[in-house]
């Protein structure tokens, strides 16, 4: 079973549709508020910041399935650190980092029993570059690097891998939150001079699903930005 959090829109929605189109294995997607129009019966309403909901979701997905967990869900809050409200900071950390902890806490026991698991966190080029005004987002995404490394070490003998994709700027998802006048500057900063197509993320996931010797790694998909 391929599980994709944040599958209601953006890159998560694209990946959900790509994997479901293959029809090789079951795909399950989570959404927080509104199910996508024409939503599949493989969508589950889960607040990934709430432990009881994550625990219940894990139990629903535990029936004899080889689990590939893709944690795509995430939010942003733009402000210089001195202007960042504590509530916004905590909300971003909960959505982007605590959620990863909760998902792994409840899915790892299933994976360990099955002697198989694939975990992929979506991080970002933002903490690599140091983008002003993104303190909460950058901190939350950088934390995933350390978490993935620990999970990889703790489960290395269980046929469970955990890796991180550091995503650059793509023509889907959070790019829509960037004001239009700023886009030319962003695109010009990318050596390939274009936004990425989400299919590149799909290809990277396919590789990580197949590989049993790639774990604790960060893979950059950013058009040469760093």
N, C-alpha and C. Protein backbone atom coordinates (compact mmCIF):
# COMPACT_ATOMS: atom_id res chain seq x y z
N UNK A 1 0.84 -1.20 0.00
CA UNK A 1 0.00 0.00 0.00
C UNK A 1 0.88 1.25 0.00
N UNK A 2 0.58 2.17 -0.89
CA UNK A 2 1.24 3.47 -0.92
C UNK A 2 0.35 4.47 -0.21
N UNK A 3 0.88 5.09 0.83
CA UNK A 3 0.13 6.06 1.62
C UNK A 3 0.73 7.43 1.37
N UNK A 4 -0.09 8.38 0.95
CA UNK A 4 0.37 9.73 0.66
C UNK A 4 -0.42 10.71 1.52
N UNK A 5 0.27 11.38 2.44
CA UNK A 5 -0.40 12.41 3.23
C UNK A 5 -0.46 13.69 2.41
N UNK A 6 -1.46 14.51 2.72
CA UNK A 6 -1.61 15.75 1.96
C UNK A 6 -1.97 15.51 0.51
N UNK A 7 -2.81 14.52 0.27
CA UNK A 7 -3.13 14.11 -1.10
C UNK A 7 -4.30 14.87 -1.70
N UNK A 8 -4.79 15.87 -1.01
CA UNK A 8 -5.98 16.57 -1.49
C UNK A 8 -5.66 17.61 -2.56
N UNK A 9 -4.41 18.08 -2.60
CA UNK A 9 -4.09 19.14 -3.56
C UNK A 9 -2.60 19.15 -3.86
N UNK A 10 -2.23 19.97 -4.82
CA UNK A 10 -0.83 20.19 -5.12
C UNK A 10 -0.08 18.93 -5.51
N UNK A 11 1.16 18.85 -5.07
CA UNK A 11 2.02 17.73 -5.42
C UNK A 11 1.47 16.42 -4.88
N UNK A 12 0.94 16.43 -3.67
CA UNK A 12 0.37 15.21 -3.10
C UNK A 12 -0.76 14.65 -3.94
N UNK A 13 -1.60 15.54 -4.44
CA UNK A 13 -2.72 15.11 -5.27
C UNK A 13 -2.22 14.54 -6.59
N UNK A 14 -1.22 15.19 -7.17
CA UNK A 14 -0.61 14.68 -8.41
C UNK A 14 -0.07 13.27 -8.20
N UNK A 15 0.68 13.07 -7.12
CA UNK A 15 1.28 11.77 -6.87
C UNK A 15 0.22 10.70 -6.60
N UNK A 16 -0.81 11.07 -5.86
CA UNK A 16 -1.90 10.12 -5.60
C UNK A 16 -2.49 9.64 -6.92
N UNK A 17 -2.77 10.57 -7.82
CA UNK A 17 -3.37 10.19 -9.10
C UNK A 17 -2.43 9.34 -9.94
N UNK A 18 -1.13 9.66 -9.93
CA UNK A 18 -0.16 8.89 -10.71
C UNK A 18 -0.07 7.45 -10.22
N UNK A 19 0.02 7.27 -8.92
CA UNK A 19 0.15 5.92 -8.37
C UNK A 19 -1.17 5.15 -8.50
N UNK A 20 -2.29 5.84 -8.35
CA UNK A 20 -3.57 5.15 -8.49
C UNK A 20 -3.79 4.71 -9.94
N UNK A 21 -3.30 5.50 -10.89
CA UNK A 21 -3.46 5.18 -12.31
C UNK A 21 -2.74 3.88 -12.66
N UNK A 22 -1.65 3.60 -11.95
CA UNK A 22 -0.89 2.38 -12.24
C UNK A 22 -1.69 1.13 -11.91
N UNK A 23 -2.46 1.20 -10.83
CA UNK A 23 -3.33 0.10 -10.41
C UNK A 23 -2.53 -1.17 -10.07
N UNK A 24 -1.24 -1.00 -9.68
CA UNK A 24 -0.45 -2.16 -9.29
C UNK A 24 -0.65 -2.51 -7.82
N UNK A 25 -0.98 -1.51 -7.01
CA UNK A 25 -1.20 -1.74 -5.59
C UNK A 25 -2.13 -0.65 -5.06
N UNK A 26 -2.63 -0.87 -3.87
CA UNK A 26 -3.57 0.07 -3.27
C UNK A 26 -2.88 1.38 -2.93
N UNK A 27 -3.57 2.47 -3.19
CA UNK A 27 -3.09 3.80 -2.83
C UNK A 27 -4.09 4.42 -1.86
N UNK A 28 -3.59 4.97 -0.77
CA UNK A 28 -4.43 5.67 0.20
C UNK A 28 -3.91 7.08 0.37
N UNK A 29 -4.81 8.05 0.36
CA UNK A 29 -4.42 9.44 0.53
C UNK A 29 -5.15 10.07 1.68
N UNK A 30 -4.47 10.98 2.39
CA UNK A 30 -5.14 11.70 3.46
C UNK A 30 -5.46 13.12 3.03
N UNK A 31 -6.51 13.66 3.62
CA UNK A 31 -6.84 15.06 3.45
C UNK A 31 -7.26 15.59 4.81
N UNK A 32 -7.16 16.91 4.98
CA UNK A 32 -7.45 17.51 6.28
C UNK A 32 -8.87 18.02 6.38
N UNK A 33 -9.27 18.83 5.42
CA UNK A 33 -10.59 19.46 5.49
C UNK A 33 -11.57 18.97 4.43
N UNK A 34 -11.22 19.14 3.16
CA UNK A 34 -12.17 18.88 2.08
C UNK A 34 -11.63 17.80 1.15
N UNK A 35 -12.42 16.76 0.93
CA UNK A 35 -12.04 15.73 -0.02
C UNK A 35 -12.04 16.32 -1.43
N UNK A 36 -11.06 15.98 -2.25
CA UNK A 36 -11.03 16.50 -3.62
C UNK A 36 -12.30 16.14 -4.38
N UNK A 37 -12.68 17.02 -5.30
CA UNK A 37 -13.85 16.77 -6.14
C UNK A 37 -13.65 15.46 -6.89
N UNK A 38 -14.67 14.62 -6.89
CA UNK A 38 -14.56 13.32 -7.52
C UNK A 38 -13.65 12.39 -6.74
N UNK A 39 -13.55 12.65 -5.42
CA UNK A 39 -12.61 11.92 -4.57
C UNK A 39 -12.82 10.42 -4.58
N UNK A 40 -11.72 9.71 -4.59
CA UNK A 40 -11.73 8.26 -4.56
C UNK A 40 -12.13 7.77 -3.18
N UNK A 41 -12.64 6.54 -3.10
CA UNK A 41 -12.94 5.97 -1.79
C UNK A 41 -11.66 5.56 -1.05
N UNK A 42 -10.51 5.88 -1.66
CA UNK A 42 -9.23 5.61 -1.01
C UNK A 42 -8.69 6.84 -0.28
N UNK A 43 -9.51 7.88 -0.16
CA UNK A 43 -9.14 9.05 0.62
C UNK A 43 -9.64 8.89 2.06
N UNK A 44 -8.80 9.33 3.01
CA UNK A 44 -9.14 9.25 4.42
C UNK A 44 -8.97 10.63 5.04
N UNK A 45 -9.96 11.04 5.81
CA UNK A 45 -9.87 12.33 6.52
C UNK A 45 -9.04 12.13 7.79
N UNK A 46 -7.86 12.71 7.81
CA UNK A 46 -6.94 12.54 8.94
C UNK A 46 -6.26 13.88 9.24
N UNK A 47 -6.33 14.30 10.48
CA UNK A 47 -5.51 15.41 10.93
C UNK A 47 -4.21 14.81 11.44
N UNK A 48 -3.14 14.94 10.67
CA UNK A 48 -1.90 14.25 10.99
C UNK A 48 -1.16 14.87 12.17
N UNK A 49 -1.72 15.93 12.76
CA UNK A 49 -1.15 16.49 13.98
C UNK A 49 -1.82 15.94 15.23
N UNK A 50 -2.85 15.11 15.06
CA UNK A 50 -3.59 14.54 16.19
C UNK A 50 -3.27 13.05 16.32
N UNK A 51 -2.71 12.66 17.45
CA UNK A 51 -2.24 11.29 17.60
C UNK A 51 -3.37 10.28 17.50
N UNK A 52 -4.52 10.56 18.07
CA UNK A 52 -5.61 9.58 18.02
C UNK A 52 -6.06 9.32 16.59
N UNK A 53 -6.08 10.37 15.75
CA UNK A 53 -6.49 10.19 14.36
C UNK A 53 -5.43 9.42 13.57
N UNK A 54 -4.16 9.71 13.82
CA UNK A 54 -3.08 9.00 13.13
C UNK A 54 -3.08 7.53 13.55
N UNK A 55 -3.26 7.27 14.83
CA UNK A 55 -3.28 5.89 15.32
C UNK A 55 -4.43 5.10 14.69
N UNK A 56 -5.59 5.72 14.61
CA UNK A 56 -6.74 5.06 13.99
C UNK A 56 -6.49 4.79 12.51
N UNK A 57 -5.90 5.76 11.82
CA UNK A 57 -5.60 5.60 10.41
C UNK A 57 -4.60 4.46 10.19
N UNK A 58 -3.59 4.37 11.02
CA UNK A 58 -2.60 3.30 10.90
C UNK A 58 -3.25 1.93 11.07
N UNK A 59 -4.18 1.83 11.98
CA UNK A 59 -4.88 0.56 12.18
C UNK A 59 -5.71 0.19 10.95
N UNK A 60 -6.28 1.18 10.30
CA UNK A 60 -7.06 0.93 9.09
C UNK A 60 -6.18 0.41 7.95
N UNK A 61 -4.89 0.76 7.98
CA UNK A 61 -3.98 0.41 6.88
C UNK A 61 -3.08 -0.78 7.22
N UNK A 62 -3.37 -1.50 8.28
CA UNK A 62 -2.42 -2.49 8.78
C UNK A 62 -2.67 -3.91 8.31
N UNK A 63 -3.71 -4.11 7.53
CA UNK A 63 -4.08 -5.47 7.16
C UNK A 63 -3.20 -6.04 6.06
N UNK A 64 -2.11 -6.66 6.43
CA UNK A 64 -1.28 -7.43 5.49
C UNK A 64 -0.73 -6.66 4.33
N UNK A 65 -0.56 -5.35 4.49
CA UNK A 65 -0.07 -4.54 3.37
C UNK A 65 1.39 -4.16 3.58
N UNK A 66 2.19 -4.25 2.53
CA UNK A 66 3.55 -3.74 2.56
C UNK A 66 3.46 -2.22 2.40
N UNK A 67 3.84 -1.48 3.43
CA UNK A 67 3.54 -0.05 3.48
C UNK A 67 4.69 0.80 2.97
N UNK A 68 4.32 1.72 2.08
CA UNK A 68 5.23 2.76 1.60
C UNK A 68 4.59 4.09 1.99
N UNK A 69 5.19 4.78 2.95
CA UNK A 69 4.62 5.99 3.53
C UNK A 69 5.31 7.22 2.97
N UNK A 70 4.55 8.07 2.29
CA UNK A 70 5.08 9.31 1.71
C UNK A 70 4.44 10.48 2.44
N UNK A 71 5.25 11.19 3.21
CA UNK A 71 4.71 12.30 4.02
C UNK A 71 4.89 13.61 3.25
N UNK A 72 3.82 13.98 2.58
CA UNK A 72 3.82 15.16 1.71
C UNK A 72 3.12 16.35 2.36
N UNK A 73 2.25 16.09 3.33
CA UNK A 73 1.46 17.16 3.95
C UNK A 73 2.37 18.20 4.60
N UNK A 74 1.98 19.45 4.48
CA UNK A 74 2.76 20.51 5.10
C UNK A 74 2.14 21.87 4.86
N UNK A 75 2.52 22.83 5.72
CA UNK A 75 2.03 24.20 5.59
C UNK A 75 3.20 25.17 5.75
N UNK A 76 2.93 26.43 5.48
CA UNK A 76 3.95 27.46 5.57
C UNK A 76 3.38 28.66 6.33
N UNK A 77 4.27 29.49 6.84
CA UNK A 77 3.89 30.77 7.44
C UNK A 77 5.02 31.74 7.17
N UNK A 78 4.75 32.76 6.40
CA UNK A 78 5.80 33.70 5.99
C UNK A 78 5.86 34.92 6.90
N UNK A 79 7.01 35.10 7.53
CA UNK A 79 7.26 36.28 8.37
C UNK A 79 8.70 36.25 8.82
N UNK A 80 9.30 37.42 8.98
CA UNK A 80 10.60 37.46 9.61
C UNK A 80 10.47 36.92 11.04
N UNK A 81 11.53 36.30 11.53
CA UNK A 81 11.44 35.62 12.83
C UNK A 81 10.94 36.55 13.93
N UNK A 82 11.42 37.79 13.94
CA UNK A 82 11.01 38.72 15.00
C UNK A 82 9.54 39.08 14.93
N UNK A 83 8.91 38.81 13.79
CA UNK A 83 7.48 39.09 13.64
C UNK A 83 6.62 37.82 13.66
N UNK A 84 7.26 36.67 13.86
CA UNK A 84 6.52 35.40 13.83
C UNK A 84 5.79 35.19 15.15
N UNK A 85 4.50 34.93 15.06
CA UNK A 85 3.71 34.65 16.26
C UNK A 85 3.99 33.22 16.73
N UNK A 86 4.00 33.04 18.04
CA UNK A 86 4.24 31.72 18.59
C UNK A 86 3.21 30.71 18.08
N UNK A 87 1.97 31.13 17.96
CA UNK A 87 0.92 30.23 17.48
C UNK A 87 1.21 29.76 16.06
N UNK A 88 1.71 30.67 15.21
CA UNK A 88 2.05 30.28 13.83
C UNK A 88 3.24 29.33 13.82
N UNK A 89 4.26 29.63 14.63
CA UNK A 89 5.43 28.76 14.74
C UNK A 89 5.00 27.35 15.14
N UNK A 90 4.19 27.25 16.18
CA UNK A 90 3.77 25.94 16.68
C UNK A 90 2.90 25.20 15.67
N UNK A 91 2.07 25.93 14.94
CA UNK A 91 1.22 25.30 13.94
C UNK A 91 2.04 24.70 12.80
N UNK A 92 3.06 25.44 12.34
CA UNK A 92 3.92 24.93 11.26
C UNK A 92 4.73 23.73 11.73
N UNK A 93 5.31 23.81 12.91
CA UNK A 93 6.08 22.68 13.44
C UNK A 93 5.20 21.45 13.64
N UNK A 94 3.97 21.66 14.08
CA UNK A 94 3.06 20.53 14.27
C UNK A 94 2.70 19.88 12.95
N UNK A 95 2.38 20.71 11.95
CA UNK A 95 1.94 20.18 10.65
C UNK A 95 3.06 19.51 9.88
N UNK A 96 4.29 20.04 9.99
CA UNK A 96 5.38 19.57 9.15
C UNK A 96 6.29 18.56 9.84
N UNK A 97 6.46 18.67 11.15
CA UNK A 97 7.44 17.85 11.85
C UNK A 97 6.81 16.89 12.85
N UNK A 98 5.97 17.40 13.74
CA UNK A 98 5.32 16.52 14.71
C UNK A 98 4.49 15.47 13.99
N UNK A 99 3.89 15.85 12.90
CA UNK A 99 3.10 14.90 12.11
C UNK A 99 3.95 13.73 11.63
N UNK A 100 5.19 14.02 11.21
CA UNK A 100 6.09 12.96 10.76
C UNK A 100 6.40 12.00 11.91
N UNK A 101 6.65 12.56 13.08
CA UNK A 101 6.88 11.75 14.27
C UNK A 101 5.69 10.85 14.56
N UNK A 102 4.48 11.40 14.54
CA UNK A 102 3.29 10.63 14.86
C UNK A 102 3.04 9.52 13.84
N UNK A 103 3.20 9.85 12.57
CA UNK A 103 2.99 8.84 11.53
C UNK A 103 3.96 7.67 11.70
N UNK A 104 5.23 7.99 11.94
CA UNK A 104 6.23 6.92 12.09
C UNK A 104 6.03 6.15 13.39
N UNK A 105 5.64 6.84 14.44
CA UNK A 105 5.38 6.16 15.71
C UNK A 105 4.36 5.06 15.55
N UNK A 106 3.33 5.30 14.73
CA UNK A 106 2.24 4.33 14.63
C UNK A 106 2.35 3.41 13.41
N UNK A 107 3.12 3.80 12.40
CA UNK A 107 3.30 2.90 11.25
C UNK A 107 4.53 2.01 11.38
N UNK A 108 5.55 2.46 12.09
CA UNK A 108 6.75 1.65 12.22
C UNK A 108 6.52 0.29 12.88
N UNK A 109 5.69 0.19 13.93
CA UNK A 109 5.45 -1.14 14.49
C UNK A 109 4.86 -2.12 13.48
N UNK A 110 4.00 -1.61 12.59
CA UNK A 110 3.42 -2.45 11.53
C UNK A 110 4.53 -2.89 10.57
N UNK A 111 5.36 -1.94 10.16
CA UNK A 111 6.46 -2.25 9.24
C UNK A 111 7.43 -3.25 9.86
N UNK A 112 7.74 -3.08 11.12
CA UNK A 112 8.69 -3.97 11.79
C UNK A 112 8.13 -5.39 11.89
N UNK A 113 6.84 -5.51 12.12
CA UNK A 113 6.22 -6.85 12.16
C UNK A 113 6.29 -7.51 10.79
N UNK A 114 6.14 -6.70 9.74
CA UNK A 114 6.14 -7.23 8.38
C UNK A 114 7.54 -7.35 7.77
N UNK A 115 8.55 -6.84 8.50
CA UNK A 115 9.93 -6.85 8.00
C UNK A 115 10.03 -6.14 6.65
N UNK A 116 9.28 -5.04 6.52
CA UNK A 116 9.33 -4.25 5.30
C UNK A 116 8.71 -2.88 5.56
N UNK A 117 9.32 -1.86 4.97
CA UNK A 117 8.73 -0.53 5.02
C UNK A 117 9.56 0.46 4.23
N UNK A 118 8.90 1.43 3.66
CA UNK A 118 9.55 2.54 2.97
C UNK A 118 8.92 3.82 3.50
N UNK A 119 9.77 4.74 3.96
CA UNK A 119 9.30 6.03 4.47
C UNK A 119 10.04 7.13 3.73
N UNK A 120 9.28 8.10 3.22
CA UNK A 120 9.88 9.23 2.51
C UNK A 120 9.26 10.51 3.06
N UNK A 121 10.13 11.39 3.58
CA UNK A 121 9.69 12.71 4.02
C UNK A 121 9.97 13.72 2.93
N UNK A 122 9.06 14.69 2.77
CA UNK A 122 9.30 15.79 1.84
C UNK A 122 9.87 16.97 2.62
N UNK A 123 11.15 17.26 2.38
CA UNK A 123 11.77 18.45 2.93
C UNK A 123 11.86 19.49 1.81
N UNK A 124 12.81 20.39 1.91
CA UNK A 124 12.78 21.54 1.00
C UNK A 124 14.17 22.13 0.79
N UNK A 125 14.31 22.83 -0.32
CA UNK A 125 15.51 23.59 -0.60
C UNK A 125 15.61 24.83 0.29
N UNK A 126 14.50 25.22 0.90
CA UNK A 126 14.45 26.47 1.67
C UNK A 126 15.45 26.48 2.83
N UNK A 127 15.51 25.46 3.70
CA UNK A 127 16.53 25.50 4.76
C UNK A 127 17.95 25.33 4.23
N UNK A 128 18.10 24.76 3.05
CA UNK A 128 19.43 24.64 2.46
C UNK A 128 19.94 26.01 1.99
N UNK A 129 19.04 26.81 1.43
CA UNK A 129 19.40 28.12 0.91
C UNK A 129 19.44 29.18 2.01
N UNK A 130 18.52 29.05 2.98
CA UNK A 130 18.36 30.10 3.98
C UNK A 130 17.56 31.25 3.41
N UNK A 131 16.26 31.03 3.25
CA UNK A 131 15.39 32.04 2.64
C UNK A 131 14.78 32.92 3.73
N UNK A 132 15.05 34.20 3.67
CA UNK A 132 14.53 35.13 4.67
C UNK A 132 13.00 35.07 4.72
N UNK A 133 12.47 35.13 5.94
CA UNK A 133 11.02 35.14 6.12
C UNK A 133 10.39 33.78 6.21
N UNK A 134 11.23 32.73 6.34
CA UNK A 134 10.68 31.36 6.38
C UNK A 134 11.17 30.59 7.60
N UNK A 135 11.38 31.26 8.71
CA UNK A 135 12.01 30.62 9.87
C UNK A 135 11.28 29.37 10.34
N UNK A 136 9.97 29.43 10.47
CA UNK A 136 9.21 28.28 10.96
C UNK A 136 9.25 27.15 9.95
N UNK A 137 9.02 27.48 8.70
CA UNK A 137 9.02 26.45 7.65
C UNK A 137 10.40 25.81 7.52
N UNK A 138 11.44 26.63 7.48
CA UNK A 138 12.80 26.11 7.32
C UNK A 138 13.17 25.21 8.50
N UNK A 139 12.86 25.63 9.70
CA UNK A 139 13.18 24.82 10.88
C UNK A 139 12.43 23.50 10.85
N UNK A 140 11.17 23.54 10.46
CA UNK A 140 10.36 22.31 10.45
C UNK A 140 10.85 21.32 9.40
N UNK A 141 11.31 21.83 8.27
CA UNK A 141 11.77 20.95 7.20
C UNK A 141 13.19 20.44 7.46
N UNK A 142 14.04 21.27 8.06
CA UNK A 142 15.38 20.82 8.42
C UNK A 142 15.32 19.72 9.48
N UNK A 143 14.36 19.80 10.38
CA UNK A 143 14.23 18.78 11.43
C UNK A 143 13.98 17.40 10.85
N UNK A 144 13.38 17.33 9.67
CA UNK A 144 13.09 16.04 9.05
C UNK A 144 14.36 15.30 8.65
N UNK A 145 15.45 16.05 8.39
CA UNK A 145 16.71 15.39 8.02
C UNK A 145 17.22 14.55 9.18
N UNK A 146 17.22 15.13 10.37
CA UNK A 146 17.69 14.39 11.53
C UNK A 146 16.77 13.24 11.89
N UNK A 147 15.46 13.47 11.79
CA UNK A 147 14.50 12.42 12.11
C UNK A 147 14.66 11.23 11.17
N UNK A 148 14.82 11.51 9.88
CA UNK A 148 14.99 10.43 8.90
C UNK A 148 16.25 9.63 9.17
N UNK A 149 17.33 10.30 9.54
CA UNK A 149 18.59 9.61 9.81
C UNK A 149 18.44 8.67 11.01
N UNK A 150 17.77 9.10 12.05
CA UNK A 150 17.58 8.27 13.24
C UNK A 150 16.69 7.07 12.92
N UNK A 151 15.59 7.31 12.21
CA UNK A 151 14.69 6.20 11.84
C UNK A 151 15.44 5.19 10.98
N UNK A 152 16.28 5.67 10.06
CA UNK A 152 17.05 4.77 9.21
C UNK A 152 17.98 3.90 10.05
N UNK A 153 18.67 4.50 11.02
CA UNK A 153 19.60 3.74 11.86
C UNK A 153 18.86 2.74 12.75
N UNK A 154 17.75 3.16 13.32
CA UNK A 154 17.02 2.29 14.25
C UNK A 154 16.36 1.10 13.57
N UNK A 155 16.14 1.20 12.26
CA UNK A 155 15.40 0.15 11.55
C UNK A 155 16.18 -0.47 10.40
N UNK A 156 17.48 -0.29 10.40
CA UNK A 156 18.31 -0.73 9.28
C UNK A 156 18.30 -2.24 9.09
N UNK A 157 18.06 -2.99 10.15
CA UNK A 157 18.07 -4.46 10.05
C UNK A 157 16.68 -5.04 9.84
N UNK A 158 15.70 -4.16 9.63
CA UNK A 158 14.31 -4.61 9.51
C UNK A 158 13.76 -4.47 8.09
N UNK A 159 14.63 -4.22 7.10
CA UNK A 159 14.20 -3.99 5.72
C UNK A 159 13.27 -2.78 5.64
N UNK A 160 13.57 -1.78 6.46
CA UNK A 160 12.81 -0.53 6.47
C UNK A 160 13.78 0.60 6.15
N UNK A 161 13.46 1.39 5.14
CA UNK A 161 14.29 2.53 4.78
C UNK A 161 13.54 3.83 5.04
N UNK A 162 14.32 4.88 5.31
CA UNK A 162 13.73 6.20 5.52
C UNK A 162 14.63 7.23 4.88
N UNK A 163 14.07 8.01 3.98
CA UNK A 163 14.85 9.00 3.23
C UNK A 163 14.07 10.31 3.12
N UNK A 164 14.77 11.34 2.69
CA UNK A 164 14.18 12.66 2.55
C UNK A 164 14.40 13.19 1.15
N UNK A 165 13.35 13.73 0.56
CA UNK A 165 13.47 14.44 -0.72
C UNK A 165 13.48 15.94 -0.42
N UNK A 166 14.54 16.61 -0.82
CA UNK A 166 14.63 18.06 -0.67
C UNK A 166 14.16 18.70 -1.97
N UNK A 167 12.95 19.22 -1.93
CA UNK A 167 12.33 19.72 -3.15
C UNK A 167 12.63 21.19 -3.39
N UNK A 168 12.90 21.50 -4.64
CA UNK A 168 13.05 22.89 -5.06
C UNK A 168 11.70 23.48 -5.40
N UNK A 169 11.66 24.33 -6.40
CA UNK A 169 10.44 25.03 -6.78
C UNK A 169 9.77 24.31 -7.95
N UNK A 170 8.54 23.85 -7.71
CA UNK A 170 7.80 23.08 -8.70
C UNK A 170 6.57 23.86 -9.16
N UNK A 171 6.06 23.46 -10.31
CA UNK A 171 4.90 24.15 -10.87
C UNK A 171 3.60 23.58 -10.32
N UNK A 172 3.62 23.25 -9.03
CA UNK A 172 2.44 22.75 -8.33
C UNK A 172 2.67 22.96 -6.84
N UNK A 173 1.59 23.03 -6.08
CA UNK A 173 1.71 23.10 -4.63
C UNK A 173 1.96 24.51 -4.12
N UNK A 174 2.95 24.66 -3.22
CA UNK A 174 3.16 25.93 -2.51
C UNK A 174 3.62 27.07 -3.41
N UNK A 175 4.03 26.75 -4.63
CA UNK A 175 4.44 27.82 -5.54
C UNK A 175 3.28 28.80 -5.76
N UNK A 176 2.05 28.32 -5.60
CA UNK A 176 0.88 29.17 -5.79
C UNK A 176 0.73 30.20 -4.69
N UNK A 177 1.47 30.04 -3.58
CA UNK A 177 1.42 31.02 -2.49
C UNK A 177 2.42 32.16 -2.70
N UNK A 178 3.30 32.01 -3.68
CA UNK A 178 4.31 33.03 -3.94
C UNK A 178 3.71 34.12 -4.84
N UNK A 179 3.82 35.39 -4.44
CA UNK A 179 3.27 36.46 -5.28
C UNK A 179 3.86 36.44 -6.70
N UNK A 180 3.02 36.66 -7.67
CA UNK A 180 3.40 36.59 -9.08
C UNK A 180 4.64 37.42 -9.41
N UNK A 181 4.80 38.62 -8.87
CA UNK A 181 5.99 39.41 -9.22
C UNK A 181 7.31 38.78 -8.79
N UNK A 182 7.26 37.86 -7.81
CA UNK A 182 8.49 37.24 -7.32
C UNK A 182 8.92 36.03 -8.14
N UNK A 183 8.02 35.50 -8.95
CA UNK A 183 8.32 34.27 -9.68
C UNK A 183 9.50 34.41 -10.66
N UNK A 184 9.59 35.48 -11.43
CA UNK A 184 10.73 35.59 -12.36
C UNK A 184 12.08 35.53 -11.64
N UNK A 185 12.17 36.15 -10.47
CA UNK A 185 13.42 36.11 -9.71
C UNK A 185 13.75 34.69 -9.27
N UNK A 186 12.74 33.96 -8.81
CA UNK A 186 12.95 32.58 -8.38
C UNK A 186 13.40 31.71 -9.55
N UNK A 187 12.71 31.83 -10.67
CA UNK A 187 13.04 31.02 -11.84
C UNK A 187 14.44 31.35 -12.35
N UNK A 188 14.79 32.63 -12.32
CA UNK A 188 16.12 33.04 -12.79
C UNK A 188 17.23 32.52 -11.88
N UNK A 189 16.91 32.25 -10.61
CA UNK A 189 17.92 31.75 -9.68
C UNK A 189 18.19 30.26 -9.86
N UNK A 190 17.32 29.57 -10.58
CA UNK A 190 17.46 28.13 -10.80
C UNK A 190 18.36 27.92 -12.02
N UNK A 191 19.44 27.15 -11.89
CA UNK A 191 20.32 26.96 -13.05
C UNK A 191 19.60 26.48 -14.31
N UNK A 192 18.57 25.65 -14.15
CA UNK A 192 17.83 25.17 -15.32
C UNK A 192 16.80 26.16 -15.82
N UNK A 193 16.63 27.27 -15.09
CA UNK A 193 15.75 28.37 -15.51
C UNK A 193 14.30 27.94 -15.73
N UNK A 194 13.83 27.03 -14.91
CA UNK A 194 12.44 26.61 -15.02
C UNK A 194 12.00 25.98 -13.71
N UNK A 195 10.68 25.99 -13.49
CA UNK A 195 10.11 25.27 -12.36
C UNK A 195 10.10 23.77 -12.67
N UNK A 196 10.17 22.96 -11.62
CA UNK A 196 10.18 21.53 -11.82
C UNK A 196 8.80 20.96 -12.10
N UNK A 197 8.77 19.87 -12.85
CA UNK A 197 7.53 19.13 -13.08
C UNK A 197 7.42 18.05 -12.00
N UNK A 198 6.25 17.89 -11.38
CA UNK A 198 6.09 16.91 -10.29
C UNK A 198 6.41 15.48 -10.69
N UNK A 199 6.41 15.16 -11.97
CA UNK A 199 6.72 13.79 -12.39
C UNK A 199 8.13 13.39 -11.93
N UNK A 200 9.01 14.37 -11.75
CA UNK A 200 10.36 14.08 -11.26
C UNK A 200 10.32 13.53 -9.83
N UNK A 201 9.38 14.00 -9.04
CA UNK A 201 9.22 13.49 -7.67
C UNK A 201 8.70 12.06 -7.71
N UNK A 202 7.78 11.82 -8.60
CA UNK A 202 7.26 10.46 -8.79
C UNK A 202 8.39 9.49 -9.13
N UNK A 203 9.27 9.88 -10.05
CA UNK A 203 10.38 9.00 -10.43
C UNK A 203 11.29 8.72 -9.24
N UNK A 204 11.55 9.74 -8.43
CA UNK A 204 12.41 9.56 -7.26
C UNK A 204 11.76 8.60 -6.25
N UNK A 205 10.46 8.72 -6.08
CA UNK A 205 9.76 7.81 -5.17
C UNK A 205 9.82 6.38 -5.67
N UNK A 206 9.65 6.20 -6.97
CA UNK A 206 9.73 4.85 -7.53
C UNK A 206 11.08 4.22 -7.22
N UNK A 207 12.15 5.01 -7.37
CA UNK A 207 13.49 4.50 -7.06
C UNK A 207 13.59 4.11 -5.58
N UNK A 208 13.12 4.98 -4.69
CA UNK A 208 13.24 4.71 -3.26
C UNK A 208 12.38 3.52 -2.84
N UNK A 209 11.26 3.32 -3.49
CA UNK A 209 10.44 2.14 -3.19
C UNK A 209 11.17 0.86 -3.56
N UNK A 210 11.91 0.90 -4.67
CA UNK A 210 12.58 -0.31 -5.17
C UNK A 210 13.90 -0.60 -4.46
N UNK A 211 14.57 0.43 -3.98
CA UNK A 211 15.89 0.26 -3.41
C UNK A 211 15.81 -0.22 -1.96
N UNK A 212 16.60 -1.27 -1.65
CA UNK A 212 16.67 -1.73 -0.26
C UNK A 212 18.01 -1.34 0.37
N UNK A 213 18.78 -0.48 -0.31
CA UNK A 213 20.11 -0.13 0.18
C UNK A 213 20.32 1.39 0.20
N UNK A 214 19.23 2.12 0.05
CA UNK A 214 19.28 3.58 0.13
C UNK A 214 18.46 4.00 1.34
N UNK A 215 19.14 4.44 2.38
CA UNK A 215 18.42 4.83 3.59
C UNK A 215 19.22 5.89 4.35
N UNK A 216 18.49 6.75 5.04
CA UNK A 216 19.11 7.84 5.77
C UNK A 216 19.68 8.91 4.86
N UNK A 217 19.19 8.98 3.64
CA UNK A 217 19.77 9.89 2.63
C UNK A 217 18.86 11.08 2.36
N UNK A 218 19.49 12.14 1.86
CA UNK A 218 18.76 13.29 1.32
C UNK A 218 18.99 13.33 -0.19
N UNK A 219 17.91 13.40 -0.93
CA UNK A 219 18.00 13.51 -2.38
C UNK A 219 17.46 14.87 -2.80
N UNK A 220 18.31 15.65 -3.45
CA UNK A 220 17.91 16.97 -3.92
C UNK A 220 17.24 16.89 -5.29
N UNK A 221 16.08 17.51 -5.41
CA UNK A 221 15.40 17.61 -6.70
C UNK A 221 15.05 19.08 -6.88
N UNK A 222 15.98 19.82 -7.50
CA UNK A 222 15.84 21.26 -7.45
C UNK A 222 16.36 22.00 -8.68
N UNK A 223 16.64 21.30 -9.77
CA UNK A 223 17.12 21.96 -10.97
C UNK A 223 18.51 22.55 -10.85
N UNK A 224 19.29 22.05 -9.87
CA UNK A 224 20.65 22.53 -9.69
C UNK A 224 20.79 23.72 -8.78
N UNK A 225 19.73 24.02 -8.00
CA UNK A 225 19.70 25.24 -7.19
C UNK A 225 20.74 25.23 -6.07
N UNK A 226 20.98 24.07 -5.48
CA UNK A 226 22.06 23.93 -4.48
C UNK A 226 22.82 22.64 -4.76
